[in-house]
Amino acid sequence: MQLASLGLIGAGEGRWVHPLCKPLATEKNGPFVQMPNGSLALIDSEGIRFSRDEGATWFDARPIAPGVNLGHVGHVGQFLCTRNGVLVLLFLNFEGYKFAWDDAAGKPSEDSRLELWSIRSLDGGATWTDRQRILGGYNADFTGFIQTRDGCLVATVEHLASDPARWVVCSFWSDDDGQHWQRSNWVDLGGHGHHDGATEPGVVELGDGRLLMLIRTNLDRFWYAFSEDGGRHWRTIRPSPLDASSAPGFILRLRSGRLAVAWNRLCREGAEEVPRIAAPSAASQVAASWHREELSLALSEDEGETWTRPVVIAREPGGQLAYPYLFERRPGELWLFTRYTWDRGHKPAPPLRVRIDEAELWSIARS
């Protein structure tokens, strides 16, 4: 396999990747689930696939179910295998998808639609059941889907609200392995525009049982929301210590107990000027940074109160390395991917697909 296909070299003019990164054998970008037998499962636009060789090769996809349209891979959704062995998939159903934005009115067309659905498998992906719509209207990317210590499933998602049009976030929770779902309150940070508000949330469980939601904003940093009742309500909402451009991060609880986050910072490392898109505009009520040329990683040992020095993992000058995905294949072995990757000419480039040792990252971030 060529290193260019792994996202290490030749992906775009001038791409740089940190020496701590090692190549991965897979040409898939996730999301992945580790099955009870140690194999990997993957959901893509064609269905579910399995690999027994660290993702180097994959068996042919098994379609999920008639009427399930997973669209393109970047919007598949999230899935997990519960402790009872149930595969649960939350996905954006592109069946009936439509989106149109009226710049003059500052809102989407009334028939814009991208619905959030759930489906699950009791037999390792051979058959699927309990297909149901979770949230109607128009929804978009999300990264948060976990099973808490008490067995509850919690997903954090975004939804396009109206009057004025902006994004809000919430969680859905299930205490019966995805057979039934209930929604939390909305978390609303205001704003107006097709890329404004609270968007693309991730979630982790903290050591004291609270849940932490990581929210993309146009406010120069991520915001945190906290739930003290398993995702049923989010009452504490505040800015995080992580500066960030208008791009999603991926937050993950590692088996060491640390938290890890991959994201695009507010501006290039060492830069004094923040690149901003003019506002107000159809996209945003405020001028926001859309810097995506660098992808960084940081770790936290105090439940996200403070973070290590950000370590720049890769640069794509003039392009973007965005929409990261983190997967801990085994304790201390992090797999890192980018789902939206462009070169200097704004053309698709090979995603970043690398393996990182947590201990090495910790040593560098603490130096």
Protein backbone atom coordinates (compact mmCIF):
# COMPACT_ATOMS: atom_id res chain seq x y z
CA MET A 1 0.00 0.00 0.00
CA GLN A 2 1.33 3.44 -0.93
CA LEU A 3 2.01 5.94 1.84
CA ALA A 4 -0.02 8.55 -0.08
CA SER A 5 -3.16 6.46 0.38
CA LEU A 6 -2.47 6.42 4.12
CA GLY A 7 -2.43 10.20 4.28
CA LEU A 8 1.26 10.42 5.20
CA ILE A 9 2.89 11.77 2.04
CA GLY A 10 1.83 13.02 -1.34
CA ALA A 11 -1.67 13.86 -0.16
CA GLY A 12 -1.35 17.50 -1.11
CA GLU A 13 1.40 19.94 -1.87
CA GLY A 14 3.29 20.56 1.33
CA ARG A 15 1.38 18.27 3.70
CA TRP A 16 3.27 17.70 6.92
CA VAL A 17 2.54 14.92 9.43
CA HIS A 18 4.05 14.70 12.93
CA PRO A 19 6.75 12.00 13.31
CA LEU A 20 4.83 10.34 16.16
CA CYS A 21 2.21 9.22 13.59
CA LYS A 22 2.50 5.73 12.15
CA PRO A 23 0.69 4.46 9.04
CA LEU A 24 -2.50 2.43 9.27
CA ALA A 25 -3.25 -0.47 6.96
CA THR A 26 -6.89 0.49 6.45
CA GLU A 27 -8.28 2.63 3.65
CA LYS A 28 -11.55 3.16 5.53
CA ASN A 29 -12.31 6.19 7.70
CA GLY A 30 -14.75 4.74 10.24
CA PRO A 31 -16.77 4.87 12.29
CA PHE A 32 -15.50 1.55 13.68
CA VAL A 33 -16.76 -0.76 16.39
CA GLN A 34 -14.73 -3.50 18.03
CA MET A 35 -16.84 -6.65 18.08
CA PRO A 36 -16.80 -9.17 20.96
CA ASN A 37 -14.62 -11.54 18.89
CA GLY A 38 -11.99 -8.82 18.36
CA SER A 39 -12.86 -8.11 14.72
CA LEU A 40 -13.73 -4.63 13.48
CA ALA A 41 -17.12 -3.55 12.18
CA LEU A 42 -17.63 -0.57 9.90
CA ILE A 43 -20.72 1.20 8.64
CA ASP A 44 -20.43 2.92 5.26
CA SER A 45 -22.86 4.03 2.57
CA GLU A 46 -23.31 0.43 1.38
CA GLY A 47 -24.00 -1.18 4.74
CA ILE A 48 -22.04 -2.99 7.44
CA ARG A 49 -18.64 -4.59 6.82
CA PHE A 50 -16.26 -6.64 8.94
CA SER A 51 -12.47 -6.99 9.03
CA ARG A 52 -10.26 -9.54 10.78
CA ASP A 53 -6.91 -7.98 9.84
CA GLU A 54 -6.91 -4.49 11.41
CA GLY A 55 -8.91 -3.03 8.54
CA ALA A 56 -6.50 -4.00 5.77
CA THR A 57 -9.27 -5.94 4.01
CA TRP A 58 -13.03 -5.98 4.47
CA PHE A 59 -15.72 -8.50 3.71
CA ASP A 60 -18.44 -7.39 1.29
CA ALA A 61 -20.99 -5.04 2.78
CA ARG A 62 -24.30 -6.34 4.07
CA PRO A 63 -27.11 -3.85 3.36
CA ILE A 64 -28.75 -2.53 6.51
CA ALA A 65 -32.42 -2.62 5.50
CA PRO A 66 -34.70 -1.52 2.63
CA GLY A 67 -35.37 2.22 2.77
CA VAL A 68 -32.20 3.01 4.72
CA ASN A 69 -30.21 5.48 2.59
CA LEU A 70 -26.93 6.31 4.29
CA GLY A 71 -25.89 8.88 1.70
CA HIS A 72 -22.16 9.51 1.39
CA VAL A 73 -19.71 8.23 3.95
CA GLY A 74 -19.13 11.60 5.62
CA HIS A 75 -22.71 11.65 6.89
CA VAL A 76 -23.28 8.01 7.88
CA GLY A 77 -23.82 8.61 11.58
CA GLN A 78 -22.58 6.75 14.65
CA PHE A 79 -22.98 3.20 15.93
CA LEU A 80 -21.85 1.03 18.79
CA CYS A 81 -22.07 -2.48 20.19
CA THR A 82 -23.72 -2.49 23.60
CA ARG A 83 -22.52 -4.61 26.49
CA ASN A 84 -25.39 -6.98 25.68
CA GLY A 85 -24.02 -7.46 22.15
CA VAL A 86 -26.64 -5.33 20.38
CA LEU A 87 -25.47 -3.23 17.43
CA VAL A 88 -27.22 0.15 17.46
CA LEU A 89 -26.95 2.59 14.55
CA LEU A 90 -28.07 6.22 14.58
CA PHE A 91 -27.99 7.68 11.09
CA LEU A 92 -29.08 10.56 8.90
CA ASN A 93 -31.47 9.05 6.38
CA PHE A 94 -30.91 10.50 2.92
CA GLU A 95 -34.16 9.00 1.71
CA GLY A 96 -36.15 12.15 0.86
CA TYR A 97 -33.20 14.45 1.55
CA LYS A 98 -33.62 18.07 0.49
CA PHE A 99 -31.97 21.34 1.49
CA ALA A 100 -32.34 24.85 0.11
CA TRP A 101 -31.45 28.13 1.83
CA ASP A 102 -33.09 31.45 1.04
CA ASP A 103 -30.39 34.12 1.58
CA ALA A 104 -32.86 36.98 1.43
CA ALA A 105 -35.21 35.46 4.01
CA GLY A 106 -32.36 34.06 6.10
CA LYS A 107 -33.94 30.64 6.46
CA PRO A 108 -34.19 27.23 4.81
CA SER A 109 -37.06 26.16 2.58
CA GLU A 110 -39.98 24.69 4.48
CA ASP A 111 -39.50 21.29 2.83
CA SER A 112 -35.81 20.97 3.76
CA ARG A 113 -35.41 17.55 5.31
CA LEU A 114 -32.71 15.25 6.64
CA GLU A 115 -34.16 13.05 9.36
CA LEU A 116 -32.39 11.21 12.18
CA TRP A 117 -33.26 7.53 12.47
CA SER A 118 -32.30 4.56 14.62
CA ILE A 119 -32.04 0.87 13.84
CA ARG A 120 -30.47 -2.06 15.68
CA SER A 121 -29.30 -5.63 15.18
CA LEU A 122 -29.57 -8.46 17.69
CA ASP A 123 -27.51 -10.91 15.60
CA GLY A 124 -24.25 -9.12 14.81
CA GLY A 125 -25.50 -7.25 11.75
CA ALA A 126 -27.13 -10.17 9.90
CA THR A 127 -30.62 -8.67 10.30
CA TRP A 128 -31.92 -5.33 11.58
CA THR A 129 -35.02 -4.38 13.50
CA ASP A 130 -36.80 -1.56 15.36
CA ARG A 131 -36.19 1.02 12.61
CA GLN A 132 -37.66 4.32 13.78
CA ARG A 133 -37.46 8.03 13.16
CA ILE A 134 -35.86 9.79 16.12
CA LEU A 135 -35.95 13.42 14.98
CA GLY A 136 -37.70 14.97 11.99
CA GLY A 137 -36.92 18.19 10.14
CA TYR A 138 -33.35 18.96 9.13
CA ASN A 139 -30.38 17.57 11.06
CA ALA A 140 -26.69 17.20 10.25
CA ASP A 141 -23.37 15.72 11.40
CA PHE A 142 -22.86 14.59 14.98
CA THR A 143 -20.05 12.69 16.69
CA GLY A 144 -21.39 11.80 20.13
CA PHE A 145 -22.72 8.30 20.85
CA ILE A 146 -21.73 6.41 24.00
CA GLN A 147 -22.92 3.81 26.48
CA THR A 148 -22.62 5.02 30.06
CA ARG A 149 -21.50 2.96 33.04
CA ASP A 150 -25.12 2.25 33.98
CA GLY A 151 -25.84 0.89 30.49
CA CYS A 152 -27.75 3.88 29.11
CA LEU A 153 -27.16 4.87 25.47
CA VAL A 154 -26.69 8.60 24.93
CA ALA A 155 -26.35 10.37 21.58
CA THR A 156 -25.75 14.10 21.16
CA VAL A 157 -27.12 15.59 17.93
CA GLU A 158 -27.78 18.92 16.20
CA HIS A 159 -31.02 20.25 14.71
CA LEU A 160 -31.84 23.22 12.49
CA ALA A 161 -34.27 25.45 14.41
CA SER A 162 -36.25 28.46 13.14
CA ASP A 163 -37.12 32.07 14.05
CA PRO A 164 -34.30 32.86 13.54
CA ALA A 165 -32.80 29.93 11.70
CA ARG A 166 -29.84 28.53 13.63
CA TRP A 167 -28.54 25.25 14.98
CA VAL A 168 -29.39 23.88 18.42
CA VAL A 169 -28.26 20.65 20.08
CA CYS A 170 -29.76 18.05 22.37
CA SER A 171 -29.31 14.44 23.41
CA PHE A 172 -31.35 11.30 22.98
CA TRP A 173 -31.15 8.54 25.54
CA SER A 174 -32.25 4.92 25.69
CA ASP A 175 -32.20 2.54 28.65
CA ASP A 176 -33.17 -0.54 26.61
CA ASP A 177 -30.33 -0.88 24.06
CA GLY A 178 -31.91 1.44 21.50
CA GLN A 179 -35.39 -0.03 21.39
CA HIS A 180 -36.95 3.24 22.62
CA TRP A 181 -35.58 6.79 22.73
CA GLN A 182 -36.35 9.98 24.64
CA ARG A 183 -35.09 13.52 23.99
CA SER A 184 -33.49 16.03 26.36
CA ASN A 185 -34.02 19.79 26.45
CA TRP A 186 -32.48 21.91 23.70
CA VAL A 187 -29.15 23.68 24.21
CA ASP A 188 -29.42 27.00 22.36
CA LEU A 189 -26.53 29.47 22.04
CA GLY A 190 -28.37 31.83 19.71
CA GLY A 191 -27.06 33.00 16.34
CA HIS A 192 -28.56 33.23 12.87
CA GLY A 193 -27.37 31.50 9.72
CA HIS A 194 -26.98 28.15 8.03
CA HIS A 195 -23.70 27.57 9.92
CA ASP A 196 -24.44 29.44 13.16
CA GLY A 197 -25.48 28.43 16.66
CA ALA A 198 -24.62 25.27 18.56
CA THR A 199 -23.51 22.48 16.23
CA GLU A 200 -21.97 19.02 15.84
CA PRO A 201 -21.74 17.95 19.49
CA GLY A 202 -19.65 15.15 20.97
CA VAL A 203 -20.04 13.57 24.40
CA VAL A 204 -18.07 11.75 27.12
CA GLU A 205 -18.92 10.46 30.58
CA LEU A 206 -16.95 12.04 33.41
CA GLY A 207 -15.53 10.24 36.42
CA ASP A 208 -18.31 11.49 38.72
CA GLY A 209 -21.05 10.23 36.38
CA ARG A 210 -21.87 13.56 34.76
CA LEU A 211 -21.89 13.84 30.98
CA LEU A 212 -19.87 16.47 29.14
CA MET A 213 -21.04 17.71 25.74
CA LEU A 214 -18.46 19.39 23.47
CA ILE A 215 -20.19 21.88 21.14
CA ARG A 216 -18.90 23.55 17.98
CA THR A 217 -19.65 27.30 17.85
CA ASN A 218 -18.71 30.45 15.93
CA LEU A 219 -17.58 32.04 19.21
CA ASP A 220 -13.82 31.31 18.93
CA ARG A 221 -13.97 28.26 21.20
CA PHE A 222 -15.88 25.11 21.98
CA TRP A 223 -18.61 25.36 24.56
CA TYR A 224 -19.34 22.77 27.25
CA ALA A 225 -22.73 21.56 28.43
CA PHE A 226 -23.08 19.25 31.45
CA SER A 227 -25.77 16.75 32.38
CA GLU A 228 -26.13 15.36 35.90
CA ASP A 229 -28.86 12.86 34.99
CA GLY A 230 -27.53 10.78 32.12
CA GLY A 231 -28.37 13.13 29.27
CA ARG A 232 -31.97 13.77 30.22
CA HIS A 233 -31.29 17.46 30.98
CA TRP A 234 -28.45 19.88 30.26
CA ARG A 235 -28.48 22.70 32.80
CA THR A 236 -24.87 23.93 33.06
CA ILE A 237 -23.57 25.56 29.87
CA ARG A 238 -20.32 27.50 29.63
CA PRO A 239 -17.32 28.25 27.39
CA SER A 240 -14.60 25.61 27.34
CA PRO A 241 -10.87 26.35 27.71
CA LEU A 242 -10.27 25.13 24.12
CA ASP A 243 -9.98 27.81 21.45
CA ALA A 244 -11.45 26.52 18.19
CA SER A 245 -12.35 27.57 14.68
CA SER A 246 -15.81 26.94 13.28
CA ALA A 247 -15.22 23.22 12.86
CA PRO A 248 -16.16 20.16 14.91
CA GLY A 249 -13.89 18.41 17.35
CA PHE A 250 -13.93 14.76 18.38
CA ILE A 251 -13.75 14.01 22.10
CA LEU A 252 -13.07 10.53 23.48
CA ARG A 253 -12.68 8.94 26.91
CA LEU A 254 -9.55 6.78 26.77
CA ARG A 255 -9.12 3.58 28.71
CA SER A 256 -6.31 5.22 30.68
CA GLY A 257 -8.93 7.57 32.13
CA ARG A 258 -7.71 10.59 30.20
CA LEU A 259 -9.81 12.58 27.76
CA ALA A 260 -8.53 13.17 24.24
CA VAL A 261 -9.74 15.79 21.77
CA ALA A 262 -8.84 16.26 18.10
CA TRP A 263 -9.76 19.58 16.51
CA ASN A 264 -8.90 22.62 14.40
CA ARG A 265 -7.67 25.50 16.54
CA LEU A 266 -8.70 29.13 16.11
CA CYS A 267 -5.65 29.93 13.96
CA ARG A 268 -2.31 28.48 12.90
CA GLU A 269 0.16 27.61 15.63
CA GLY A 270 2.15 30.73 16.47
CA ALA A 271 -0.05 33.06 14.37
CA GLU A 272 -1.17 36.36 15.87
CA GLU A 273 -3.98 37.13 13.42
CA VAL A 274 -7.19 35.10 13.34
CA PRO A 275 -8.55 34.50 9.81
CA ARG A 276 -12.24 35.40 9.89
CA ILE A 277 -15.11 35.18 7.43
CA ALA A 278 -16.94 38.51 7.15
CA ALA A 279 -20.27 38.76 8.96
CA PRO A 280 -23.17 39.10 9.19
CA SER A 281 -23.73 36.71 6.29
CA ALA A 282 -26.02 33.88 5.29
CA ALA A 283 -23.69 31.56 7.20
CA SER A 284 -23.22 33.38 10.48
CA GLN A 285 -24.33 36.35 12.51
CA VAL A 286 -20.78 36.89 13.79
CA ALA A 287 -17.39 36.84 12.10
CA ALA A 288 -15.90 33.41 12.70
CA SER A 289 -12.62 31.66 11.99
CA TRP A 290 -12.76 28.80 9.52
CA HIS A 291 -9.12 27.81 9.96
CA ARG A 292 -8.79 24.11 9.11
CA GLU A 293 -5.23 23.82 7.82
CA GLU A 294 -3.91 22.25 11.03
CA LEU A 295 -5.25 19.34 13.07
CA SER A 296 -4.27 19.24 16.74
CA LEU A 297 -4.56 16.78 19.63
CA ALA A 298 -4.66 17.46 23.37
CA LEU A 299 -5.19 15.36 26.49
CA SER A 300 -6.81 16.08 29.85
CA GLU A 301 -6.31 14.37 33.21
CA ASP A 302 -8.86 16.50 35.10
CA GLU A 303 -12.08 15.81 33.19
CA GLY A 304 -11.66 18.65 30.69
CA GLU A 305 -11.04 21.44 33.19
CA THR A 306 -7.56 21.90 31.73
CA TRP A 307 -5.81 20.46 28.69
CA THR A 308 -2.22 19.79 27.71
CA ARG A 309 -0.43 21.90 25.16
CA PRO A 310 -2.04 21.24 21.76
CA VAL A 311 0.17 19.08 19.57
CA VAL A 312 -0.17 19.80 15.84
CA ILE A 313 -0.58 16.38 14.26
CA ALA A 314 -0.73 17.45 10.61
CA ARG A 315 -0.82 20.49 8.33
CA GLU A 316 -2.33 20.92 4.88
CA PRO A 317 -1.25 24.47 3.85
CA GLY A 318 -4.02 26.23 1.95
CA GLY A 319 -6.34 23.27 2.38
CA GLN A 320 -8.10 21.55 5.25
CA LEU A 321 -7.78 18.56 7.56
CA ALA A 322 -11.18 18.63 9.25
CA TYR A 323 -13.95 16.55 10.81
CA PRO A 324 -11.62 14.30 12.80
CA TYR A 325 -12.53 10.86 14.08
CA LEU A 326 -10.73 9.15 16.99
CA PHE A 327 -10.88 5.44 17.75
CA GLU A 328 -8.99 3.59 20.50
CA ARG A 329 -8.27 0.24 18.89
CA ARG A 330 -6.64 -1.13 22.03
CA PRO A 331 -5.51 0.54 25.27
CA GLY A 332 -3.20 3.43 24.42
CA GLU A 333 -3.38 2.91 20.64
CA LEU A 334 -5.25 5.79 19.01
CA TRP A 335 -6.41 5.77 15.42
CA LEU A 336 -6.97 9.24 13.95
CA PHE A 337 -8.76 10.10 10.70
CA THR A 338 -10.05 13.16 8.87
CA ARG A 339 -13.34 12.95 6.98
CA TYR A 340 -13.22 16.31 5.14
CA THR A 341 -9.80 16.71 3.56
CA TRP A 342 -8.90 19.21 0.83
CA ASP A 343 -5.69 20.35 -0.82
CA ARG A 344 -4.56 23.86 -1.65
CA GLY A 345 -6.72 23.86 -4.78
CA HIS A 346 -9.83 22.98 -2.75
CA LYS A 347 -9.91 19.53 -4.31
CA PRO A 348 -10.47 16.33 -2.30
CA ALA A 349 -7.21 14.92 -0.93
CA PRO A 350 -6.48 11.57 0.76
CA PRO A 351 -7.68 11.61 4.38
CA LEU A 352 -5.29 11.47 7.28
CA ARG A 353 -5.21 7.87 8.57
CA VAL A 354 -2.61 7.38 11.31
CA ARG A 355 -1.89 5.47 14.52
CA ILE A 356 -0.63 7.35 17.59
CA ASP A 357 0.76 6.00 20.85
CA GLU A 358 -0.94 7.71 23.81
CA ALA A 359 2.16 7.57 26.01
CA GLU A 360 4.29 9.25 23.33
CA LEU A 361 1.64 11.90 22.77
CA TRP A 362 1.43 12.55 26.52
CA SER A 363 5.19 12.96 26.76
CA ILE A 364 5.28 15.45 23.86
CA ALA A 365 2.24 17.40 25.05
CA ARG A 366 3.71 17.76 28.56
CA SER A 367 7.15 18.84 27.40
